[in-house]
Amino acid sequence: MKIRPFIEMDDAYAWALHVNGRDGEALAHERQAMQLGTRNALFFCHAGMIERTLGQTAAATAILKQALASNPHFSPYQEPVLRQALTELGGTP
């Protein structure tokens, strides 16, 4: 039996890697999740937070802003964290 991958798996795996401090690997999987151009606020949030941890301030700011632009109320838990991260990065949420 062959398992068909889907982008939600890439995003979830990327976030699990990030939470465990493996951000270089996480970024590769998050980019895989986003390669089809899906405008998913959670994917943007995850990608931005990973970029932030890697010190990519400009990329993190732009991606986190995309998360809010695509759905400003996407998660009652992660939205406030995202807004705080944007404030810390110097990007107005």
PDB file of N, CA and C in Angstrom:
ATOM      1  N   MET A   1       0.840  -1.172   0.000  1.00  0.00           N
ATOM      2  CA  MET A   1       0.000   0.000   0.000  1.00  0.00           C
ATOM      3  C   MET A   1       0.889   1.241   0.000  1.00  0.00           C
ATOM      4  N   LYS A   2       0.559   2.190  -0.833  1.00  0.00           N
ATOM      5  CA  LYS A   2       1.313   3.430  -0.931  1.00  0.00           C
ATOM      6  C   LYS A   2       0.483   4.557  -0.319  1.00  0.00           C
ATOM      7  N   ILE A   3       1.136   5.374   0.495  1.00  0.00           N
ATOM      8  CA  ILE A   3       0.458   6.496   1.129  1.00  0.00           C
ATOM      9  C   ILE A   3       0.648   7.733   0.272  1.00  0.00           C
ATOM     10  N   ARG A   4      -0.437   8.431   0.012  1.00  0.00           N
ATOM     11  CA  ARG A   4      -0.379   9.647  -0.776  1.00  0.00           C
ATOM     12  C   ARG A   4      -0.163  10.841   0.158  1.00  0.00           C
ATOM     13  N   PRO A   5       0.940  11.541   0.003  1.00  0.00           N
ATOM     14  CA  PRO A   5       1.191  12.685   0.883  1.00  0.00           C
ATOM     15  C   PRO A   5       0.243  13.841   0.574  1.00  0.00           C
ATOM     16  N   PHE A   6      -0.006  14.664   1.553  1.00  0.00           N
ATOM     17  CA  PHE A   6      -0.796  15.860   1.320  1.00  0.00           C
ATOM     18  C   PHE A   6      -0.196  17.006   2.125  1.00  0.00           C
ATOM     19  N   ILE A   7      -0.523  18.209   1.728  1.00  0.00           N
ATOM     20  CA  ILE A   7       0.171  19.376   2.266  1.00  0.00           C
ATOM     21  C   ILE A   7      -0.044  19.571   3.768  1.00  0.00           C
ATOM     22  N   GLU A   8      -1.160  19.149   4.300  1.00  0.00           N
ATOM     23  CA  GLU A   8      -1.390  19.280   5.733  1.00  0.00           C
ATOM     24  C   GLU A   8      -0.379  18.455   6.531  1.00  0.00           C
ATOM     25  N   MET A   9       0.037  17.314   5.990  1.00  0.00           N
ATOM     26  CA  MET A   9       1.051  16.493   6.649  1.00  0.00           C
ATOM     27  C   MET A   9       2.383  17.223   6.675  1.00  0.00           C
ATOM     28  N   ASP A  10       2.751  17.866   5.567  1.00  0.00           N
ATOM     29  CA  ASP A  10       4.005  18.614   5.521  1.00  0.00           C
ATOM     30  C   ASP A  10       3.994  19.742   6.541  1.00  0.00           C
ATOM     31  N   ASP A  11       2.874  20.456   6.635  1.00  0.00           N
ATOM     32  CA  ASP A  11       2.766  21.540   7.598  1.00  0.00           C
ATOM     33  C   ASP A  11       2.870  21.020   9.026  1.00  0.00           C
ATOM     34  N   ALA A  12       2.143  19.970   9.339  1.00  0.00           N
ATOM     35  CA  ALA A  12       2.166  19.406  10.692  1.00  0.00           C
ATOM     36  C   ALA A  12       3.559  18.893  11.050  1.00  0.00           C
ATOM     37  N   TYR A  13       4.212  18.254  10.100  1.00  0.00           N
ATOM     38  CA  TYR A  13       5.565  17.741  10.355  1.00  0.00           C
ATOM     39  C   TYR A  13       6.535  18.900  10.552  1.00  0.00           C
ATOM     40  N   ALA A  14       6.399  19.941   9.738  1.00  0.00           N
ATOM     41  CA  ALA A  14       7.253  21.123   9.882  1.00  0.00           C
ATOM     42  C   ALA A  14       7.089  21.736  11.266  1.00  0.00           C
ATOM     43  N   TRP A  15       5.840  21.851  11.724  1.00  0.00           N
ATOM     44  CA  TRP A  15       5.601  22.449  13.034  1.00  0.00           C
ATOM     45  C   TRP A  15       6.173  21.570  14.151  1.00  0.00           C
ATOM     46  N   ALA A  16       6.046  20.264  14.017  1.00  0.00           N
ATOM     47  CA  ALA A  16       6.619  19.348  15.010  1.00  0.00           C
ATOM     48  C   ALA A  16       8.145  19.485  15.060  1.00  0.00           C
ATOM     49  N   LEU A  17       8.765  19.607  13.906  1.00  0.00           N
ATOM     50  CA  LEU A  17      10.212  19.815  13.863  1.00  0.00           C
ATOM     51  C   LEU A  17      10.585  21.135  14.537  1.00  0.00           C
ATOM     52  N   HIS A  18       9.834  22.191  14.236  1.00  0.00           N
ATOM     53  CA  HIS A  18      10.089  23.509  14.833  1.00  0.00           C
ATOM     54  C   HIS A  18       9.999  23.441  16.358  1.00  0.00           C
ATOM     55  N   VAL A  19       8.950  22.845  16.861  1.00  0.00           N
ATOM     56  CA  VAL A  19       8.738  22.748  18.308  1.00  0.00           C
ATOM     57  C   VAL A  19       9.893  21.994  18.971  1.00  0.00           C
ATOM     58  N   ASN A  20      10.527  21.119  18.226  1.00  0.00           N
ATOM     59  CA  ASN A  20      11.639  20.334  18.749  1.00  0.00           C
ATOM     60  C   ASN A  20      13.003  20.903  18.374  1.00  0.00           C
ATOM     61  N   GLY A  21      13.012  22.172  17.940  1.00  0.00           N
ATOM     62  CA  GLY A  21      14.274  22.865  17.693  1.00  0.00           C
ATOM     63  C   GLY A  21      14.999  22.501  16.414  1.00  0.00           C
ATOM     64  N   ARG A  22      14.307  21.901  15.483  1.00  0.00           N
ATOM     65  CA  ARG A  22      14.928  21.485  14.219  1.00  0.00           C
ATOM     66  C   ARG A  22      14.419  22.373  13.080  1.00  0.00           C
ATOM     67  N   ASP A  23      14.672  23.676  13.218  1.00  0.00           N
ATOM     68  CA  ASP A  23      14.079  24.651  12.314  1.00  0.00           C
ATOM     69  C   ASP A  23      14.590  24.596  10.881  1.00  0.00           C
ATOM     70  N   GLY A  24      15.832  24.230  10.673  1.00  0.00           N
ATOM     71  CA  GLY A  24      16.334  24.098   9.303  1.00  0.00           C
ATOM     72  C   GLY A  24      15.543  23.060   8.529  1.00  0.00           C
ATOM     73  N   GLU A  25      15.313  21.920   9.154  1.00  0.00           N
ATOM     74  CA  GLU A  25      14.501  20.875   8.533  1.00  0.00           C
ATOM     75  C   GLU A  25      13.042  21.317   8.425  1.00  0.00           C
ATOM     76  N   ALA A  26      12.571  22.000   9.450  1.00  0.00           N
ATOM     77  CA  ALA A  26      11.176  22.453   9.475  1.00  0.00           C
ATOM     78  C   ALA A  26      10.876  23.371   8.300  1.00  0.00           C
ATOM     79  N   LEU A  27      11.799  24.280   8.015  1.00  0.00           N
ATOM     80  CA  LEU A  27      11.569  25.233   6.930  1.00  0.00           C
ATOM     81  C   LEU A  27      11.416  24.522   5.591  1.00  0.00           C
ATOM     82  N   ALA A  28      12.215  23.506   5.350  1.00  0.00           N
ATOM     83  CA  ALA A  28      12.111  22.757   4.093  1.00  0.00           C
ATOM     84  C   ALA A  28      10.731  22.105   3.960  1.00  0.00           C
ATOM     85  N   HIS A  29      10.227  21.546   5.037  1.00  0.00           N
ATOM     86  CA  HIS A  29       8.909  20.901   4.980  1.00  0.00           C
ATOM     87  C   HIS A  29       7.788  21.929   4.879  1.00  0.00           C
ATOM     88  N   GLU A  30       7.951  23.069   5.534  1.00  0.00           N
ATOM     89  CA  GLU A  30       6.915  24.107   5.438  1.00  0.00           C
ATOM     90  C   GLU A  30       6.858  24.656   4.018  1.00  0.00           C
ATOM     91  N   ARG A  31       8.001  24.824   3.395  1.00  0.00           N
ATOM     92  CA  ARG A  31       8.010  25.288   1.999  1.00  0.00           C
ATOM     93  C   ARG A  31       7.344  24.271   1.087  1.00  0.00           C
ATOM     94  N   GLN A  32       7.527  22.998   1.390  1.00  0.00           N
ATOM     95  CA  GLN A  32       6.854  21.944   0.621  1.00  0.00           C
ATOM     96  C   GLN A  32       5.336  22.079   0.777  1.00  0.00           C
ATOM     97  N   ALA A  33       4.887  22.341   1.996  1.00  0.00           N
ATOM     98  CA  ALA A  33       3.452  22.496   2.255  1.00  0.00           C
ATOM     99  C   ALA A  33       2.876  23.686   1.498  1.00  0.00           C
ATOM    100  N   MET A  34       3.683  24.723   1.323  1.00  0.00           N
ATOM    101  CA  MET A  34       3.188  25.961   0.726  1.00  0.00           C
ATOM    102  C   MET A  34       3.431  26.055  -0.782  1.00  0.00           C
ATOM    103  N   GLN A  35       4.084  25.091  -1.359  1.00  0.00           N
ATOM    104  CA  GLN A  35       4.490  25.207  -2.756  1.00  0.00           C
ATOM    105  C   GLN A  35       3.339  25.270  -3.760  1.00  0.00           C
ATOM    106  N   LEU A  36       2.168  24.799  -3.390  1.00  0.00           N
ATOM    107  CA  LEU A  36       1.032  24.850  -4.314  1.00  0.00           C
ATOM    108  C   LEU A  36       0.320  26.202  -4.293  1.00  0.00           C
ATOM    109  N   GLY A  37       0.754  27.077  -3.392  1.00  0.00           N
ATOM    110  CA  GLY A  37       0.153  28.402  -3.336  1.00  0.00           C
ATOM    111  C   GLY A  37      -1.120  28.483  -2.523  1.00  0.00           C
ATOM    112  N   THR A  38      -1.370  27.474  -1.710  1.00  0.00           N
ATOM    113  CA  THR A  38      -2.554  27.486  -0.855  1.00  0.00           C
ATOM    114  C   THR A  38      -2.461  28.646   0.120  1.00  0.00           C
ATOM    115  N   ARG A  39      -3.510  29.438   0.201  1.00  0.00           N
ATOM    116  CA  ARG A  39      -3.529  30.596   1.110  1.00  0.00           C
ATOM    117  C   ARG A  39      -4.151  30.177   2.441  1.00  0.00           C
ATOM    118  N   ASN A  40      -3.356  29.478   3.224  1.00  0.00           N
ATOM    119  CA  ASN A  40      -3.797  28.952   4.510  1.00  0.00           C
ATOM    120  C   ASN A  40      -3.101  29.752   5.608  1.00  0.00           C
ATOM    121  N   ALA A  41      -3.868  30.458   6.419  1.00  0.00           N
ATOM    122  CA  ALA A  41      -3.296  31.317   7.455  1.00  0.00           C
ATOM    123  C   ALA A  41      -2.417  30.530   8.428  1.00  0.00           C
ATOM    124  N   LEU A  42      -2.813  29.307   8.743  1.00  0.00           N
ATOM    125  CA  LEU A  42      -2.020  28.503   9.664  1.00  0.00           C
ATOM    126  C   LEU A  42      -0.665  28.155   9.053  1.00  0.00           C
ATOM    127  N   PHE A  43      -0.641  27.817   7.761  1.00  0.00           N
ATOM    128  CA  PHE A  43       0.626  27.536   7.082  1.00  0.00           C
ATOM    129  C   PHE A  43       1.509  28.780   7.113  1.00  0.00           C
ATOM    130  N   PHE A  44       0.922  29.943   6.801  1.00  0.00           N
ATOM    131  CA  PHE A  44       1.689  31.188   6.836  1.00  0.00           C
ATOM    132  C   PHE A  44       2.234  31.444   8.235  1.00  0.00           C
ATOM    133  N   CYS A  45       1.402  31.235   9.232  1.00  0.00           N
ATOM    134  CA  CYS A  45       1.824  31.440  10.622  1.00  0.00           C
ATOM    135  C   CYS A  45       3.004  30.537  10.955  1.00  0.00           C
ATOM    136  N   HIS A  46       2.888  29.278  10.644  1.00  0.00           N
ATOM    137  CA  HIS A  46       3.965  28.338  10.929  1.00  0.00           C
ATOM    138  C   HIS A  46       5.242  28.728  10.188  1.00  0.00           C
ATOM    139  N   ALA A  47       5.117  29.048   8.925  1.00  0.00           N
ATOM    140  CA  ALA A  47       6.292  29.428   8.134  1.00  0.00           C
ATOM    141  C   ALA A  47       6.954  30.678   8.722  1.00  0.00           C
ATOM    142  N   GLY A  48       6.145  31.662   9.078  1.00  0.00           N
ATOM    143  CA  GLY A  48       6.689  32.898   9.636  1.00  0.00           C
ATOM    144  C   GLY A  48       7.387  32.686  10.965  1.00  0.00           C
ATOM    145  N   MET A  49       6.812  31.859  11.811  1.00  0.00           N
ATOM    146  CA  MET A  49       7.433  31.596  13.106  1.00  0.00           C
ATOM    147  C   MET A  49       8.741  30.816  12.944  1.00  0.00           C
ATOM    148  N   ILE A  50       8.781  29.907  11.986  1.00  0.00           N
ATOM    149  CA  ILE A  50      10.022  29.170  11.711  1.00  0.00           C
ATOM    150  C   ILE A  50      11.083  30.140  11.190  1.00  0.00           C
ATOM    151  N   GLU A  51      10.707  30.997  10.234  1.00  0.00           N
ATOM    152  CA  GLU A  51      11.650  31.990   9.700  1.00  0.00           C
ATOM    153  C   GLU A  51      12.151  32.895  10.826  1.00  0.00           C
ATOM    154  N   ARG A  52      11.264  33.289  11.716  1.00  0.00           N
ATOM    155  CA  ARG A  52      11.640  34.144  12.846  1.00  0.00           C
ATOM    156  C   ARG A  52      12.696  33.468  13.707  1.00  0.00           C
ATOM    157  N   THR A  53      12.499  32.208  14.024  1.00  0.00           N
ATOM    158  CA  THR A  53      13.453  31.470  14.834  1.00  0.00           C
ATOM    159  C   THR A  53      14.805  31.357  14.145  1.00  0.00           C
ATOM    160  N   LEU A  54      14.775  31.281  12.831  1.00  0.00           N
ATOM    161  CA  LEU A  54      16.022  31.194  12.064  1.00  0.00           C
ATOM    162  C   LEU A  54      16.685  32.562  11.866  1.00  0.00           C
ATOM    163  N   GLY A  55      16.074  33.618  12.397  1.00  0.00           N
ATOM    164  CA  GLY A  55      16.663  34.953  12.306  1.00  0.00           C
ATOM    165  C   GLY A  55      16.379  35.678  11.009  1.00  0.00           C
ATOM    166  N   GLN A  56      15.440  35.177  10.228  1.00  0.00           N
ATOM    167  CA  GLN A  56      15.072  35.789   8.948  1.00  0.00           C
ATOM    168  C   GLN A  56      13.956  36.809   9.186  1.00  0.00           C
ATOM    169  N   THR A  57      14.331  37.953   9.756  1.00  0.00           N
ATOM    170  CA  THR A  57      13.359  38.939  10.213  1.00  0.00           C
ATOM    171  C   THR A  57      12.438  39.448   9.115  1.00  0.00           C
ATOM    172  N   ALA A  58      13.007  39.844   7.981  1.00  0.00           N
ATOM    173  CA  ALA A  58      12.183  40.393   6.892  1.00  0.00           C
ATOM    174  C   ALA A  58      11.215  39.346   6.353  1.00  0.00           C
ATOM    175  N   ALA A  59      11.704  38.140   6.131  1.00  0.00           N
ATOM    176  CA  ALA A  59      10.844  37.068   5.625  1.00  0.00           C
ATOM    177  C   ALA A  59       9.763  36.726   6.647  1.00  0.00           C
ATOM    178  N   ALA A  60      10.139  36.637   7.922  1.00  0.00           N
ATOM    179  CA  ALA A  60       9.166  36.314   8.968  1.00  0.00           C
ATOM    180  C   ALA A  60       8.074  37.363   9.030  1.00  0.00           C
ATOM    181  N   THR A  61       8.458  38.629   8.998  1.00  0.00           N
ATOM    182  CA  THR A  61       7.483  39.719   9.062  1.00  0.00           C
ATOM    183  C   THR A  61       6.512  39.650   7.893  1.00  0.00           C
ATOM    184  N   ALA A  62       7.036  39.485   6.689  1.00  0.00           N
ATOM    185  CA  ALA A  62       6.188  39.436   5.494  1.00  0.00           C
ATOM    186  C   ALA A  62       5.219  38.250   5.551  1.00  0.00           C
ATOM    187  N   ILE A  63       5.718  37.095   5.956  1.00  0.00           N
ATOM    188  CA  ILE A  63       4.883  35.898   5.973  1.00  0.00           C
ATOM    189  C   ILE A  63       3.821  35.984   7.071  1.00  0.00           C
ATOM    190  N   LEU A  64       4.199  36.493   8.234  1.00  0.00           N
ATOM    191  CA  LEU A  64       3.229  36.629   9.312  1.00  0.00           C
ATOM    192  C   LEU A  64       2.129  37.626   8.937  1.00  0.00           C
ATOM    193  N   LYS A  65       2.497  38.677   8.216  1.00  0.00           N
ATOM    194  CA  LYS A  65       1.482  39.621   7.727  1.00  0.00           C
ATOM    195  C   LYS A  65       0.550  38.948   6.731  1.00  0.00           C
ATOM    196  N   GLN A  66       1.094  38.041   5.916  1.00  0.00           N
ATOM    197  CA  GLN A  66       0.249  37.291   4.981  1.00  0.00           C
ATOM    198  C   GLN A  66      -0.753  36.432   5.733  1.00  0.00           C
ATOM    199  N   ALA A  67      -0.330  35.861   6.852  1.00  0.00           N
ATOM    200  CA  ALA A  67      -1.244  35.035   7.661  1.00  0.00           C
ATOM    201  C   ALA A  67      -2.440  35.869   8.098  1.00  0.00           C
ATOM    202  N   LEU A  68      -2.183  37.066   8.617  1.00  0.00           N
ATOM    203  CA  LEU A  68      -3.281  37.925   9.065  1.00  0.00           C
ATOM    204  C   LEU A  68      -4.121  38.427   7.904  1.00  0.00           C
ATOM    205  N   ALA A  69      -3.487  38.701   6.768  1.00  0.00           N
ATOM    206  CA  ALA A  69      -4.231  39.182   5.598  1.00  0.00           C
ATOM    207  C   ALA A  69      -5.160  38.102   5.052  1.00  0.00           C
ATOM    208  N   SER A  70      -4.728  36.850   5.113  1.00  0.00           N
ATOM    209  CA  SER A  70      -5.555  35.782   4.554  1.00  0.00           C
ATOM    210  C   SER A  70      -6.710  35.411   5.479  1.00  0.00           C
ATOM    211  N   ASN A  71      -6.501  35.558   6.802  1.00  0.00           N
ATOM    212  CA  ASN A  71      -7.577  35.284   7.762  1.00  0.00           C
ATOM    213  C   ASN A  71      -7.161  35.846   9.122  1.00  0.00           C
ATOM    214  N   PRO A  72      -7.613  37.040   9.463  1.00  0.00           N
ATOM    215  CA  PRO A  72      -7.156  37.697  10.692  1.00  0.00           C
ATOM    216  C   PRO A  72      -7.570  37.009  11.990  1.00  0.00           C
ATOM    217  N   HIS A  73      -8.492  36.080  11.935  1.00  0.00           N
ATOM    218  CA  HIS A  73      -8.959  35.386  13.147  1.00  0.00           C
ATOM    219  C   HIS A  73      -8.876  33.873  12.973  1.00  0.00           C
ATOM    220  N   PHE A  74      -7.770  33.400  12.428  1.00  0.00           N
ATOM    221  CA  PHE A  74      -7.649  31.994  12.050  1.00  0.00           C
ATOM    222  C   PHE A  74      -7.529  31.031  13.228  1.00  0.00           C
ATOM    223  N   SER A  75      -7.026  31.496  14.378  1.00  0.00           N
ATOM    224  CA  SER A  75      -6.837  30.599  15.510  1.00  0.00           C
ATOM    225  C   SER A  75      -6.882  31.389  16.807  1.00  0.00           C
ATOM    226  N   PRO A  76      -7.766  31.021  17.726  1.00  0.00           N
ATOM    227  CA  PRO A  76      -7.826  31.755  18.990  1.00  0.00           C
ATOM    228  C   PRO A  76      -6.539  31.609  19.813  1.00  0.00           C
ATOM    229  N   TYR A  77      -5.786  30.546  19.566  1.00  0.00           N
ATOM    230  CA  TYR A  77      -4.522  30.358  20.280  1.00  0.00           C
ATOM    231  C   TYR A  77      -3.361  31.030  19.554  1.00  0.00           C
ATOM    232  N   GLN A  78      -3.210  30.750  18.268  1.00  0.00           N
ATOM    233  CA  GLN A  78      -2.007  31.199  17.566  1.00  0.00           C
ATOM    234  C   GLN A  78      -2.068  32.638  17.072  1.00  0.00           C
ATOM    235  N   GLU A  79      -3.250  33.178  16.876  1.00  0.00           N
ATOM    236  CA  GLU A  79      -3.341  34.563  16.407  1.00  0.00           C
ATOM    237  C   GLU A  79      -2.690  35.552  17.374  1.00  0.00           C
ATOM    238  N   PRO A  80      -2.963  35.485  18.690  1.00  0.00           N
ATOM    239  CA  PRO A  80      -2.295  36.422  19.600  1.00  0.00           C
ATOM    240  C   PRO A  80      -0.768  36.232  19.639  1.00  0.00           C
ATOM    241  N   VAL A  81      -0.323  34.988  19.525  1.00  0.00           N
ATOM    242  CA  VAL A  81       1.115  34.706  19.500  1.00  0.00           C
ATOM    243  C   VAL A  81       1.733  35.324  18.251  1.00  0.00           C
ATOM    244  N   LEU A  82       1.046  35.178  17.125  1.00  0.00           N
ATOM    245  CA  LEU A  82       1.500  35.760  15.866  1.00  0.00           C
ATOM    246  C   LEU A  82       1.584  37.281  15.975  1.00  0.00           C
ATOM    247  N   ARG A  83       0.554  37.905  16.511  1.00  0.00           N
ATOM    248  CA  ARG A  83       0.543  39.364  16.651  1.00  0.00           C
ATOM    249  C   ARG A  83       1.691  39.834  17.566  1.00  0.00           C
ATOM    250  N   GLN A  84       1.951  39.100  18.644  1.00  0.00           N
ATOM    251  CA  GLN A  84       3.060  39.443  19.534  1.00  0.00           C
ATOM    252  C   GLN A  84       4.393  39.314  18.794  1.00  0.00           C
ATOM    253  N   ALA A  85       4.548  38.257  18.011  1.00  0.00           N
ATOM    254  CA  ALA A  85       5.773  38.061  17.238  1.00  0.00           C
ATOM    255  C   ALA A  85       5.979  39.202  16.262  1.00  0.00           C
ATOM    256  N   LEU A  86       4.908  39.623  15.598  1.00  0.00           N
ATOM    257  CA  LEU A  86       5.003  40.748  14.664  1.00  0.00           C
ATOM    258  C   LEU A  86       5.426  42.022  15.380  1.00  0.00           C
ATOM    259  N   THR A  87       4.879  42.270  16.541  1.00  0.00           N
ATOM    260  CA  THR A  87       5.253  43.445  17.325  1.00  0.00           C
ATOM    261  C   THR A  87       6.738  43.394  17.681  1.00  0.00           C
ATOM    262  N   GLU A  88       7.196  42.231  18.115  1.00  0.00           N
ATOM    263  CA  GLU A  88       8.601  42.072  18.470  1.00  0.00           C
ATOM    264  C   GLU A  88       9.531  42.220  17.277  1.00  0.00           C
ATOM    265  N   LEU A  89       9.051  41.837  16.103  1.00  0.00           N
ATOM    266  CA  LEU A  89       9.842  41.970  14.876  1.00  0.00           C
ATOM    267  C   LEU A  89       9.837  43.411  14.342  1.00  0.00           C
ATOM    268  N   GLY A  90       8.971  44.235  14.903  1.00  0.00           N
ATOM    269  CA  GLY A  90       8.889  45.621  14.448  1.00  0.00           C
ATOM    270  C   GLY A  90       7.877  45.838  13.351  1.00  0.00           C
ATOM    271  N   GLY A  91       7.125  44.805  13.010  1.00  0.00           N
ATOM    272  CA  GLY A  91       6.075  44.915  12.007  1.00  0.00           C
ATOM    273  C   GLY A  91       4.742  45.103  12.704  1.00  0.00           C
ATOM    274  N   THR A  92       4.065  46.148  12.426  1.00  0.00           N
ATOM    275  CA  THR A  92       2.788  46.412  13.079  1.00  0.00           C
ATOM    276  C   THR A  92       1.774  45.346  12.664  1.00  0.00           C
ATOM    277  N   PRO A  93       1.141  44.695  13.644  1.00  0.00           N
ATOM    278  CA  PRO A  93       0.146  43.669  13.288  1.00  0.00           C
ATOM    279  C   PRO A  93      -1.128  44.253  12.711  1.00  0.00           C
TER     280      PRO A  93
END
